[in-house]
Amino acid sequence: MTDGAEREAALLCELSVLYAKRNQVQEKRVRAEQESGSAHGDSDAEKTELPPPLPF
């Protein structure tokens, strides 16, 4: 593998880890909102959709 390809693979791996962490935080936030009863609020932050995780 060339240096460029190795760097790209490392960056994709790091990106995958970051998406996984983001998903965990998002799931934790949703659970906390459901438990506190504030999951049906109307703030813009709750309506913001994040991009789906990468498929690898």
C-alpha atoms as a PDB file:
ATOM      1  CA  MET A   1       0.000   0.000   0.000  1.00  0.00           C
ATOM      2  CA  THR A   2       1.323   3.450  -0.805  1.00  0.00           C
ATOM      3  CA  ASP A   3       1.797   6.141   1.813  1.00  0.00           C
ATOM      4  CA  GLY A   4      -1.226   8.009   0.453  1.00  0.00           C
ATOM      5  CA  ALA A   5      -3.424   4.919   0.588  1.00  0.00           C
ATOM      6  CA  GLU A   6      -2.233   4.102   4.111  1.00  0.00           C
ATOM      7  CA  ARG A   7      -2.997   7.647   5.229  1.00  0.00           C
ATOM      8  CA  GLU A   8      -6.431   7.483   3.643  1.00  0.00           C
ATOM      9  CA  ALA A   9      -7.145   4.150   5.340  1.00  0.00           C
ATOM     10  CA  ALA A  10      -6.034   5.551   8.705  1.00  0.00           C
ATOM     11  CA  LEU A  11      -8.228   8.626   8.269  1.00  0.00           C
ATOM     12  CA  LEU A  12     -11.229   6.503   7.296  1.00  0.00           C
ATOM     13  CA  CYS A  13     -10.670   4.328  10.353  1.00  0.00           C
ATOM     14  CA  GLU A  14     -10.486   7.400  12.582  1.00  0.00           C
ATOM     15  CA  LEU A  15     -13.628   8.802  10.970  1.00  0.00           C
ATOM     16  CA  SER A  16     -15.433   5.540  11.619  1.00  0.00           C
ATOM     17  CA  VAL A  17     -14.452   5.692  15.300  1.00  0.00           C
ATOM     18  CA  LEU A  18     -15.693   9.276  15.533  1.00  0.00           C
ATOM     19  CA  TYR A  19     -19.039   8.349  13.948  1.00  0.00           C
ATOM     20  CA  ALA A  20     -19.406   5.470  16.416  1.00  0.00           C
ATOM     21  CA  LYS A  21     -18.747   7.809  19.350  1.00  0.00           C
ATOM     22  CA  ARG A  22     -21.180  10.361  17.941  1.00  0.00           C
ATOM     23  CA  ASN A  23     -23.859   7.702  17.625  1.00  0.00           C
ATOM     24  CA  GLN A  24     -23.308   6.604  21.236  1.00  0.00           C
ATOM     25  CA  VAL A  25     -23.640  10.182  22.474  1.00  0.00           C
ATOM     26  CA  GLN A  26     -26.745  10.741  20.367  1.00  0.00           C
ATOM     27  CA  GLU A  27     -28.369   7.533  21.671  1.00  0.00           C
ATOM     28  CA  LYS A  28     -27.507   8.483  25.254  1.00  0.00           C
ATOM     29  CA  ARG A  29     -29.038  11.939  24.752  1.00  0.00           C
ATOM     30  CA  VAL A  30     -32.215  10.468  23.299  1.00  0.00           C
ATOM     31  CA  ARG A  31     -32.547   8.046  26.226  1.00  0.00           C
ATOM     32  CA  ALA A  32     -31.995  10.870  28.726  1.00  0.00           C
ATOM     33  CA  GLU A  33     -34.620  13.016  27.004  1.00  0.00           C
ATOM     34  CA  GLN A  34     -37.109  10.149  27.000  1.00  0.00           C
ATOM     35  CA  GLU A  35     -36.507   9.458  30.685  1.00  0.00           C
ATOM     36  CA  SER A  36     -36.881  13.125  31.613  1.00  0.00           C
ATOM     37  CA  GLY A  37     -40.018  13.560  29.521  1.00  0.00           C
ATOM     38  CA  SER A  38     -38.531  16.274  27.322  1.00  0.00           C
ATOM     39  CA  ALA A  39     -38.297  14.171  24.169  1.00  0.00           C
ATOM     40  CA  HIS A  40     -41.338  15.891  22.665  1.00  0.00           C
ATOM     41  CA  GLY A  41     -39.949  19.433  22.748  1.00  0.00           C
ATOM     42  CA  ASP A  42     -39.935  21.685  19.712  1.00  0.00           C
ATOM     43  CA  SER A  43     -36.425  23.127  19.725  1.00  0.00           C
ATOM     44  CA  ASP A  44     -34.498  23.306  16.455  1.00  0.00           C
ATOM     45  CA  ALA A  45     -31.661  21.268  17.952  1.00  0.00           C
ATOM     46  CA  GLU A  46     -33.964  18.287  18.353  1.00  0.00           C
ATOM     47  CA  LYS A  47     -35.059  18.514  14.715  1.00  0.00           C
ATOM     48  CA  THR A  48     -31.514  18.562  13.354  1.00  0.00           C
ATOM     49  CA  GLU A  49     -30.682  15.341  11.570  1.00  0.00           C
ATOM     50  CA  LEU A  50     -27.120  14.114  11.473  1.00  0.00           C
ATOM     51  CA  PRO A  51     -25.744  12.244   8.474  1.00  0.00           C
ATOM     52  CA  PRO A  52     -25.897   8.457   8.662  1.00  0.00           C
ATOM     53  CA  PRO A  53     -22.797   6.539   9.726  1.00  0.00           C
ATOM     54  CA  LEU A  54     -20.383   5.440   7.045  1.00  0.00           C
ATOM     55  CA  PRO A  55     -20.969   1.889   5.750  1.00  0.00           C
ATOM     56  CA  PHE A  56     -17.707   0.200   6.747  1.00  0.00           C
END
